[in-house]
Amino acid sequence: MDLQKSQLDQIGRLLQSSANTSAEIAEISGEDKTTVTLLGLGFTLAITGFLRVLNS
């Protein structure tokens, strides 16, 4: 996988945004923060991987 620094920065920002959103969802819904964060990050990584495959 040959990712450029800007692409790595974008992925880092995407994962951080996903983690922040998951934490807010967990707070609002009252669910376990760890579970919601892991699910959110998992979906984010799956969608990111799918989009990378489409762009290849």
C-alpha atoms as a PDB file:
ATOM      1  CA  MET A   1       0.000   0.000   0.000  1.00  0.00           C
ATOM      2  CA  ASP A   2       1.722   3.182  -1.132  1.00  0.00           C
ATOM      3  CA  LEU A   3      -0.044   5.964   0.687  1.00  0.00           C
ATOM      4  CA  GLN A   4       1.289   9.471   0.475  1.00  0.00           C
ATOM      5  CA  LYS A   5       1.614  11.614   3.608  1.00  0.00           C
ATOM      6  CA  SER A   6      -1.441  13.690   2.680  1.00  0.00           C
ATOM      7  CA  GLN A   7      -3.514  10.522   2.280  1.00  0.00           C
ATOM      8  CA  LEU A   8      -2.343   9.268   5.675  1.00  0.00           C
ATOM      9  CA  ASP A   9      -3.247  12.626   7.201  1.00  0.00           C
ATOM     10  CA  GLN A  10      -6.727  12.412   5.649  1.00  0.00           C
ATOM     11  CA  ILE A  11      -7.251   8.893   7.002  1.00  0.00           C
ATOM     12  CA  GLY A  12      -6.066  10.021  10.430  1.00  0.00           C
ATOM     13  CA  ARG A  13      -8.516  12.933  10.433  1.00  0.00           C
ATOM     14  CA  LEU A  14     -11.317  10.638   9.236  1.00  0.00           C
ATOM     15  CA  LEU A  15     -10.667   8.131  12.041  1.00  0.00           C
ATOM     16  CA  GLN A  16     -10.448  10.905  14.646  1.00  0.00           C
ATOM     17  CA  SER A  17     -13.713  12.394  13.402  1.00  0.00           C
ATOM     18  CA  SER A  18     -15.333   8.964  13.523  1.00  0.00           C
ATOM     19  CA  ALA A  19     -14.129   8.423  17.092  1.00  0.00           C
ATOM     20  CA  ASN A  20     -15.456  11.835  18.166  1.00  0.00           C
ATOM     21  CA  THR A  21     -18.824  11.205  16.521  1.00  0.00           C
ATOM     22  CA  SER A  22     -19.057   7.763  18.112  1.00  0.00           C
ATOM     23  CA  ALA A  23     -18.317   9.212  21.544  1.00  0.00           C
ATOM     24  CA  GLU A  24     -21.091  11.779  21.091  1.00  0.00           C
ATOM     25  CA  ILE A  25     -23.539   9.090  19.912  1.00  0.00           C
ATOM     26  CA  ALA A  26     -22.650   6.950  22.937  1.00  0.00           C
ATOM     27  CA  GLU A  27     -23.219   9.903  25.272  1.00  0.00           C
ATOM     28  CA  ILE A  28     -26.599  10.734  23.750  1.00  0.00           C
ATOM     29  CA  SER A  29     -27.835   7.150  23.497  1.00  0.00           C
ATOM     30  CA  GLY A  30     -26.473   6.004  26.838  1.00  0.00           C
ATOM     31  CA  GLU A  31     -24.780   2.991  25.252  1.00  0.00           C
ATOM     32  CA  ASP A  32     -21.297   1.736  26.132  1.00  0.00           C
ATOM     33  CA  LYS A  33     -18.749   4.184  24.698  1.00  0.00           C
ATOM     34  CA  THR A  34     -16.195   1.515  23.782  1.00  0.00           C
ATOM     35  CA  THR A  35     -18.694  -0.602  21.852  1.00  0.00           C
ATOM     36  CA  VAL A  36     -20.087   2.348  19.904  1.00  0.00           C
ATOM     37  CA  THR A  37     -16.573   3.626  19.118  1.00  0.00           C
ATOM     38  CA  LEU A  38     -15.375   0.240  17.883  1.00  0.00           C
ATOM     39  CA  LEU A  39     -18.459  -0.193  15.710  1.00  0.00           C
ATOM     40  CA  GLY A  40     -18.089   3.316  14.300  1.00  0.00           C
ATOM     41  CA  LEU A  41     -14.400   2.852  13.520  1.00  0.00           C
ATOM     42  CA  GLY A  42     -15.099  -0.547  11.980  1.00  0.00           C
ATOM     43  CA  PHE A  43     -17.730   0.883   9.647  1.00  0.00           C
ATOM     44  CA  THR A  44     -15.432   3.794   8.770  1.00  0.00           C
ATOM     45  CA  LEU A  45     -12.553   1.468   7.895  1.00  0.00           C
ATOM     46  CA  ALA A  46     -14.828  -0.821   5.877  1.00  0.00           C
ATOM     47  CA  ILE A  47     -16.257   2.070   3.853  1.00  0.00           C
ATOM     48  CA  THR A  48     -12.782   3.584   3.370  1.00  0.00           C
ATOM     49  CA  GLY A  49     -11.443   0.256   2.123  1.00  0.00           C
ATOM     50  CA  PHE A  50     -14.386  -0.181  -0.214  1.00  0.00           C
ATOM     51  CA  LEU A  51     -13.895   3.292  -1.681  1.00  0.00           C
ATOM     52  CA  ARG A  52     -10.160   2.636  -2.174  1.00  0.00           C
ATOM     53  CA  VAL A  53     -10.995  -0.536  -4.096  1.00  0.00           C
ATOM     54  CA  LEU A  54     -13.402   1.382  -6.313  1.00  0.00           C
ATOM     55  CA  ASN A  55     -10.752   4.032  -7.040  1.00  0.00           C
ATOM     56  CA  SER A  56      -8.074   1.461  -7.968  1.00  0.00           C
END
